[in-house]
């Protein structure tokens, strides 16, 4: 199945001791974003189908805004 995947774009960020991998991929069913968290070799992954990315972003933006209101020193 991995051979059927087309990698469109990948990025990695590190927050504290956590590494996050963002992989936009495409297969026969369509495009999707795979987000993998790696903490000392332990990996957890979520997959968001491309049609849901705008809603995912809306919720994420809302969480960022709420975090800033609570006095978090998050960086933009």
PDB file of N, CA and C in Angstrom:
ATOM      1  N   UNK A   1       0.821  -1.190   0.000  1.00  0.00           N
ATOM      2  CA  UNK A   1       0.000   0.000   0.000  1.00  0.00           C
ATOM      3  C   UNK A   1       0.869   1.258   0.000  1.00  0.00           C
ATOM      4  N   UNK A   2       1.945   1.305   0.754  1.00  0.00           N
ATOM      5  CA  UNK A   2       2.838   2.467   0.783  1.00  0.00           C
ATOM      6  C   UNK A   2       3.335   2.814  -0.614  1.00  0.00           C
ATOM      7  N   UNK A   3       3.513   1.827  -1.477  1.00  0.00           N
ATOM      8  CA  UNK A   3       4.020   2.085  -2.823  1.00  0.00           C
ATOM      9  C   UNK A   3       3.022   2.906  -3.633  1.00  0.00           C
ATOM     10  N   UNK A   4       1.734   2.854  -3.264  1.00  0.00           N
ATOM     11  CA  UNK A   4       0.700   3.605  -3.966  1.00  0.00           C
ATOM     12  C   UNK A   4       0.604   5.049  -3.492  1.00  0.00           C
ATOM     13  N   UNK A   5       1.382   5.425  -2.482  1.00  0.00           N
ATOM     14  CA  UNK A   5       1.321   6.773  -1.928  1.00  0.00           C
ATOM     15  C   UNK A   5       2.217   7.730  -2.694  1.00  0.00           C
ATOM     16  N   UNK A   6       1.680   8.909  -2.956  1.00  0.00           N
ATOM     17  CA  UNK A   6       2.459   9.981  -3.564  1.00  0.00           C
ATOM     18  C   UNK A   6       2.677  11.038  -2.488  1.00  0.00           C
ATOM     19  N   UNK A   7       3.936  11.364  -2.220  1.00  0.00           N
ATOM     20  CA  UNK A   7       4.255  12.404  -1.248  1.00  0.00           C
ATOM     21  C   UNK A   7       4.186  13.752  -1.940  1.00  0.00           C
ATOM     22  N   UNK A   8       3.349  14.656  -1.437  1.00  0.00           N
ATOM     23  CA  UNK A   8       3.169  15.972  -2.041  1.00  0.00           C
ATOM     24  C   UNK A   8       4.019  17.017  -1.328  1.00  0.00           C
ATOM     25  N   UNK A   9       4.008  16.983   0.004  1.00  0.00           N
ATOM     26  CA  UNK A   9       4.776  17.962   0.781  1.00  0.00           C
ATOM     27  C   UNK A   9       4.991  17.399   2.180  1.00  0.00           C
ATOM     28  N   UNK A  10       6.179  17.652   2.741  1.00  0.00           N
ATOM     29  CA  UNK A  10       6.492  17.211   4.108  1.00  0.00           C
ATOM     30  C   UNK A  10       7.200  18.324   4.856  1.00  0.00           C
ATOM     31  N   UNK A  11       6.866  18.446   6.135  1.00  0.00           N
ATOM     32  CA  UNK A  11       7.554  19.385   7.015  1.00  0.00           C
ATOM     33  C   UNK A  11       7.670  18.756   8.388  1.00  0.00           C
ATOM     34  N   UNK A  12       8.660  19.236   9.153  1.00  0.00           N
ATOM     35  CA  UNK A  12       8.891  18.737  10.508  1.00  0.00           C
ATOM     36  C   UNK A  12       9.082  19.930  11.429  1.00  0.00           C
ATOM     37  N   UNK A  13       8.465  19.857  12.619  1.00  0.00           N
ATOM     38  CA  UNK A  13       8.714  20.868  13.636  1.00  0.00           C
ATOM     39  C   UNK A  13       9.051  20.153  14.941  1.00  0.00           C
ATOM     40  N   UNK A  14       9.782  20.855  15.801  1.00  0.00           N
ATOM     41  CA  UNK A  14      10.130  20.322  17.115  1.00  0.00           C
ATOM     42  C   UNK A  14       9.607  21.294  18.159  1.00  0.00           C
ATOM     43  N   UNK A  15       8.872  20.756  19.120  1.00  0.00           N
ATOM     44  CA  UNK A  15       8.349  21.526  20.239  1.00  0.00           C
ATOM     45  C   UNK A  15       8.771  20.795  21.505  1.00  0.00           C
ATOM     46  N   UNK A  16       9.636  21.454  22.274  1.00  0.00           N
ATOM     47  CA  UNK A  16      10.226  20.832  23.447  1.00  0.00           C
ATOM     48  C   UNK A  16      10.897  19.527  23.026  1.00  0.00           C
ATOM     49  N   UNK A  17      10.499  18.395  23.571  1.00  0.00           N
ATOM     50  CA  UNK A  17      11.131  17.118  23.191  1.00  0.00           C
ATOM     51  C   UNK A  17      10.308  16.332  22.179  1.00  0.00           C
ATOM     52  N   UNK A  18       9.305  16.966  21.625  1.00  0.00           N
ATOM     53  CA  UNK A  18       8.415  16.281  20.678  1.00  0.00           C
ATOM     54  C   UNK A  18       8.735  16.720  19.254  1.00  0.00           C
ATOM     55  N   UNK A  19       8.715  15.768  18.362  1.00  0.00           N
ATOM     56  CA  UNK A  19       8.909  16.034  16.934  1.00  0.00           C
ATOM     57  C   UNK A  19       7.578  15.741  16.236  1.00  0.00           C
ATOM     58  N   UNK A  20       7.152  16.677  15.407  1.00  0.00           N
ATOM     59  CA  UNK A  20       5.916  16.511  14.656  1.00  0.00           C
ATOM     60  C   UNK A  20       6.244  16.503  13.171  1.00  0.00           C
ATOM     61  N   UNK A  21       5.751  15.493  12.491  1.00  0.00           N
ATOM     62  CA  UNK A  21       5.954  15.335  11.051  1.00  0.00           C
ATOM     63  C   UNK A  21       4.610  15.552  10.362  1.00  0.00           C
ATOM     64  N   UNK A  22       4.587  16.463   9.404  1.00  0.00           N
ATOM     65  CA  UNK A  22       3.389  16.759   8.632  1.00  0.00           C
ATOM     66  C   UNK A  22       3.637  16.297   7.207  1.00  0.00           C
ATOM     67  N   UNK A  23       2.864  15.336   6.764  1.00  0.00           N
ATOM     68  CA  UNK A  23       3.046  14.757   5.432  1.00  0.00           C
ATOM     69  C   UNK A  23       1.732  14.825   4.659  1.00  0.00           C
ATOM     70  N   UNK A  24       1.732  15.643   3.610  1.00  0.00           N
ATOM     71  CA  UNK A  24       0.585  15.698   2.720  1.00  0.00           C
ATOM     72  C   UNK A  24       0.812  14.640   1.652  1.00  0.00           C
ATOM     73  N   UNK A  25      -0.110  13.710   1.566  1.00  0.00           N
ATOM     74  CA  UNK A  25       0.053  12.571   0.665  1.00  0.00           C
ATOM     75  C   UNK A  25      -1.201  12.387  -0.174  1.00  0.00           C
ATOM     76  N   UNK A  26      -1.058  11.533  -1.179  1.00  0.00           N
ATOM     77  CA  UNK A  26      -2.190  11.209  -2.037  1.00  0.00           C
ATOM     78  C   UNK A  26      -2.135   9.727  -2.380  1.00  0.00           C
ATOM     79  N   UNK A  27      -3.303   9.092  -2.361  1.00  0.00           N
ATOM     80  CA  UNK A  27      -3.420   7.710  -2.817  1.00  0.00           C
ATOM     81  C   UNK A  27      -4.640   7.622  -3.722  1.00  0.00           C
ATOM     82  N   UNK A  28      -5.049   6.421  -4.082  1.00  0.00           N
ATOM     83  CA  UNK A  28      -6.160   6.248  -5.006  1.00  0.00           C
ATOM     84  C   UNK A  28      -7.476   6.795  -4.461  1.00  0.00           C
ATOM     85  N   UNK A  29      -7.570   6.979  -3.143  1.00  0.00           N
ATOM     86  CA  UNK A  29      -8.800   7.498  -2.534  1.00  0.00           C
ATOM     87  C   UNK A  29      -8.787   9.012  -2.381  1.00  0.00           C
ATOM     88  N   UNK A  30      -7.640   9.658  -2.612  1.00  0.00           N
ATOM     89  CA  UNK A  30      -7.568  11.111  -2.519  1.00  0.00           C
ATOM     90  C   UNK A  30      -6.393  11.580  -1.681  1.00  0.00           C
ATOM     91  N   UNK A  31      -6.394  12.876  -1.386  1.00  0.00           N
ATOM     92  CA  UNK A  31      -5.315  13.485  -0.602  1.00  0.00           C
ATOM     93  C   UNK A  31      -5.666  13.473   0.879  1.00  0.00           C
ATOM     94  N   UNK A  32      -4.606  13.461   1.700  1.00  0.00           N
ATOM     95  CA  UNK A  32      -4.802  13.485   3.143  1.00  0.00           C
ATOM     96  C   UNK A  32      -3.542  14.012   3.814  1.00  0.00           C
ATOM     97  N   UNK A  33      -3.729  14.516   5.017  1.00  0.00           N
ATOM     98  CA  UNK A  33      -2.606  14.984   5.821  1.00  0.00           C
ATOM     99  C   UNK A  33      -2.369  13.973   6.934  1.00  0.00           C
ATOM    100  N   UNK A  34      -1.153  13.492   7.009  1.00  0.00           N
ATOM    101  CA  UNK A  34      -0.758  12.575   8.077  1.00  0.00           C
ATOM    102  C   UNK A  34       0.120  13.368   9.047  1.00  0.00           C
ATOM    103  N   UNK A  35      -0.295  13.435  10.306  1.00  0.00           N
ATOM    104  CA  UNK A  35       0.473  14.118  11.346  1.00  0.00           C
ATOM    105  C   UNK A  35       0.970  13.057  12.313  1.00  0.00           C
ATOM    106  N   UNK A  36       2.293  12.987  12.451  1.00  0.00           N
ATOM    107  CA  UNK A  36       2.904  11.999  13.341  1.00  0.00           C
ATOM    108  C   UNK A  36       3.669  12.721  14.431  1.00  0.00           C
ATOM    109  N   UNK A  37       3.423  12.303  15.664  1.00  0.00           N
ATOM    110  CA  UNK A  37       4.149  12.824  16.824  1.00  0.00           C
ATOM    111  C   UNK A  37       5.144  11.755  17.252  1.00  0.00           C
ATOM    112  N   UNK A  38       6.402  12.146  17.408  1.00  0.00           N
ATOM    113  CA  UNK A  38       7.447  11.220  17.856  1.00  0.00           C
ATOM    114  C   UNK A  38       8.034  11.761  19.157  1.00  0.00           C
ATOM    115  N   UNK A  39       7.895  10.969  20.211  1.00  0.00           N
ATOM    116  CA  UNK A  39       8.464  11.322  21.508  1.00  0.00           C
ATOM    117  C   UNK A  39       9.345  10.160  21.939  1.00  0.00           C
ATOM    118  N   UNK A  40      10.645  10.367  21.823  1.00  0.00           N
ATOM    119  CA  UNK A  40      11.617   9.338  22.224  1.00  0.00           C
ATOM    120  C   UNK A  40      11.337   7.984  21.577  1.00  0.00           C
ATOM    121  N   UNK A  41      11.017   8.004  20.299  1.00  0.00           N
ATOM    122  CA  UNK A  41      10.810   6.763  19.558  1.00  0.00           C
ATOM    123  C   UNK A  41       9.384   6.238  19.569  1.00  0.00           C
ATOM    124  N   UNK A  42       8.537   6.779  20.410  1.00  0.00           N
ATOM    125  CA  UNK A  42       7.134   6.363  20.430  1.00  0.00           C
ATOM    126  C   UNK A  42       6.364   7.267  19.478  1.00  0.00           C
ATOM    127  N   UNK A  43       5.657   6.666  18.528  1.00  0.00           N
ATOM    128  CA  UNK A  43       4.960   7.439  17.498  1.00  0.00           C
ATOM    129  C   UNK A  43       3.452   7.243  17.576  1.00  0.00           C
ATOM    130  N   UNK A  44       2.760   8.350  17.416  1.00  0.00           N
ATOM    131  CA  UNK A  44       1.305   8.352  17.295  1.00  0.00           C
ATOM    132  C   UNK A  44       0.968   9.148  16.048  1.00  0.00           C
ATOM    133  N   UNK A  45      -0.028   8.698  15.313  1.00  0.00           N
ATOM    134  CA  UNK A  45      -0.364   9.319  14.035  1.00  0.00           C
ATOM    135  C   UNK A  45      -1.862   9.555  13.928  1.00  0.00           C
ATOM    136  N   UNK A  46      -2.210  10.702  13.344  1.00  0.00           N
ATOM    137  CA  UNK A  46      -3.594  10.945  12.948  1.00  0.00           C
ATOM    138  C   UNK A  46      -3.588  11.265  11.455  1.00  0.00           C
ATOM    139  N   UNK A  47      -4.693  10.958  10.810  1.00  0.00           N
ATOM    140  CA  UNK A  47      -4.828  11.223   9.378  1.00  0.00           C
ATOM    141  C   UNK A  47      -6.095  12.035   9.168  1.00  0.00           C
ATOM    142  N   UNK A  48      -5.954  13.152   8.446  1.00  0.00           N
ATOM    143  CA  UNK A  48      -7.080  14.022   8.160  1.00  0.00           C
ATOM    144  C   UNK A  48      -7.282  14.040   6.645  1.00  0.00           C
ATOM    145  N   UNK A  49      -8.424  13.579   6.163  1.00  0.00           N
ATOM    146  CA  UNK A  49      -8.697  13.648   4.728  1.00  0.00           C
ATOM    147  C   UNK A  49      -8.697  15.111   4.273  1.00  0.00           C
ATOM    148  N   UNK A  50      -8.196  15.370   3.090  1.00  0.00           N
ATOM    149  CA  UNK A  50      -8.074  16.739   2.574  1.00  0.00           C
ATOM    150  C   UNK A  50      -9.373  17.542   2.669  1.00  0.00           C
ATOM    151  N   UNK A  51     -10.536  16.956   2.405  1.00  0.00           N
ATOM    152  CA  UNK A  51     -11.761  17.759   2.522  1.00  0.00           C
ATOM    153  C   UNK A  51     -12.008  18.291   3.945  1.00  0.00           C
ATOM    154  N   UNK A  52     -11.382  17.712   4.949  1.00  0.00           N
ATOM    155  CA  UNK A  52     -11.568  18.161   6.323  1.00  0.00           C
ATOM    156  C   UNK A  52     -10.505  19.128   6.813  1.00  0.00           C
ATOM    157  N   UNK A  53      -9.543  19.482   5.978  1.00  0.00           N
ATOM    158  CA  UNK A  53      -8.436  20.332   6.429  1.00  0.00           C
ATOM    159  C   UNK A  53      -8.883  21.747   6.803  1.00  0.00           C
ATOM    160  N   UNK A  54      -9.832  22.315   6.090  1.00  0.00           N
ATOM    161  CA  UNK A  54     -10.297  23.661   6.434  1.00  0.00           C
ATOM    162  C   UNK A  54     -10.964  23.669   7.803  1.00  0.00           C
ATOM    163  N   UNK A  55     -11.780  22.670   8.093  1.00  0.00           N
ATOM    164  CA  UNK A  55     -12.428  22.572   9.402  1.00  0.00           C
ATOM    165  C   UNK A  55     -11.388  22.320  10.495  1.00  0.00           C
ATOM    166  N   UNK A  56     -10.422  21.471  10.212  1.00  0.00           N
ATOM    167  CA  UNK A  56      -9.332  21.200  11.160  1.00  0.00           C
ATOM    168  C   UNK A  56      -8.590  22.506  11.477  1.00  0.00           C
ATOM    169  N   UNK A  57      -8.296  23.284  10.447  1.00  0.00           N
ATOM    170  CA  UNK A  57      -7.605  24.561  10.637  1.00  0.00           C
ATOM    171  C   UNK A  57      -8.458  25.534  11.446  1.00  0.00           C
ATOM    172  N   UNK A  58      -9.771  25.570  11.181  1.00  0.00           N
ATOM    173  CA  UNK A  58     -10.659  26.455  11.930  1.00  0.00           C
ATOM    174  C   UNK A  58     -10.595  26.146  13.423  1.00  0.00           C
ATOM    175  N   UNK A  59     -10.660  24.870  13.761  1.00  0.00           N
ATOM    176  CA  UNK A  59     -10.608  24.462  15.168  1.00  0.00           C
ATOM    177  C   UNK A  59      -9.231  24.760  15.757  1.00  0.00           C
ATOM    178  N   UNK A  60      -8.173  24.477  15.020  1.00  0.00           N
ATOM    179  CA  UNK A  60      -6.817  24.747  15.497  1.00  0.00           C
ATOM    180  C   UNK A  60      -6.618  26.241  15.739  1.00  0.00           C
ATOM    181  N   UNK A  61      -7.073  27.091  14.804  1.00  0.00           N
ATOM    182  CA  UNK A  61      -6.978  28.543  14.979  1.00  0.00           C
ATOM    183  C   UNK A  61      -7.738  28.987  16.228  1.00  0.00           C
ATOM    184  N   UNK A  62      -8.903  28.395  16.457  1.00  0.00           N
ATOM    185  CA  UNK A  62      -9.697  28.720  17.638  1.00  0.00           C
ATOM    186  C   UNK A  62      -8.962  28.332  18.925  1.00  0.00           C
ATOM    187  N   UNK A  63      -8.289  27.187  18.910  1.00  0.00           N
ATOM    188  CA  UNK A  63      -7.521  26.737  20.081  1.00  0.00           C
ATOM    189  C   UNK A  63      -6.329  27.656  20.339  1.00  0.00           C
ATOM    190  N   UNK A  64      -5.676  28.093  19.272  1.00  0.00           N
ATOM    191  CA  UNK A  64      -4.537  29.008  19.411  1.00  0.00           C
ATOM    192  C   UNK A  64      -5.012  30.328  20.009  1.00  0.00           C
ATOM    193  N   UNK A  65      -6.110  30.835  19.498  1.00  0.00           N
ATOM    194  CA  UNK A  65      -6.663  32.089  20.016  1.00  0.00           C
ATOM    195  C   UNK A  65      -7.026  31.959  21.495  1.00  0.00           C
ATOM    196  N   UNK A  66      -7.671  30.862  21.876  1.00  0.00           N
ATOM    197  CA  UNK A  66      -8.036  30.641  23.279  1.00  0.00           C
ATOM    198  C   UNK A  66      -6.798  30.534  24.155  1.00  0.00           C
ATOM    199  N   UNK A  67      -5.762  29.897  23.646  1.00  0.00           N
ATOM    200  CA  UNK A  67      -4.533  29.750  24.416  1.00  0.00           C
ATOM    201  C   UNK A  67      -3.863  31.094  24.653  1.00  0.00           C
ATOM    202  N   UNK A  68      -3.927  31.981  23.674  1.00  0.00           N
ATOM    203  CA  UNK A  68      -3.345  33.311  23.813  1.00  0.00           C
ATOM    204  C   UNK A  68      -4.126  34.148  24.826  1.00  0.00           C
ATOM    205  N   UNK A  69      -5.426  33.999  24.869  1.00  0.00           N
ATOM    206  CA  UNK A  69      -6.267  34.738  25.810  1.00  0.00           C
ATOM    207  C   UNK A  69      -5.989  34.328  27.247  1.00  0.00           C
ATOM    208  N   UNK A  70      -5.586  33.073  27.434  1.00  0.00           N
ATOM    209  CA  UNK A  70      -5.313  32.580  28.786  1.00  0.00           C
ATOM    210  C   UNK A  70      -3.913  32.923  29.257  1.00  0.00           C
ATOM    211  N   UNK A  71      -3.208  33.770  28.506  1.00  0.00           N
ATOM    212  CA  UNK A  71      -1.895  34.226  28.937  1.00  0.00           C
ATOM    213  C   UNK A  71      -0.745  33.345  28.519  1.00  0.00           C
ATOM    214  N   UNK A  72      -0.990  32.354  27.665  1.00  0.00           N
ATOM    215  CA  UNK A  72       0.099  31.501  27.184  1.00  0.00           C
ATOM    216  C   UNK A  72       1.052  32.341  26.344  1.00  0.00           C
ATOM    217  N   UNK A  73       2.296  32.058  26.421  1.00  0.00           N
ATOM    218  CA  UNK A  73       3.308  32.799  25.665  1.00  0.00           C
ATOM    219  C   UNK A  73       3.642  32.074  24.361  1.00  0.00           C
ATOM    220  N   UNK A  74       2.650  31.486  23.714  1.00  0.00           N
ATOM    221  CA  UNK A  74       2.874  30.768  22.449  1.00  0.00           C
ATOM    222  C   UNK A  74       3.450  31.716  21.415  1.00  0.00           C
ATOM    223  N   UNK A  75       4.336  31.179  20.594  1.00  0.00           N
ATOM    224  CA  UNK A  75       4.958  31.975  19.539  1.00  0.00           C
ATOM    225  C   UNK A  75       4.203  31.791  18.252  1.00  0.00           C
ATOM    226  N   UNK A  76       4.147  32.830  17.464  1.00  0.00           N
ATOM    227  CA  UNK A  76       3.465  32.741  16.168  1.00  0.00           C
ATOM    228  C   UNK A  76       4.478  32.592  15.068  1.00  0.00           C
TER     229      UNK A  76
END
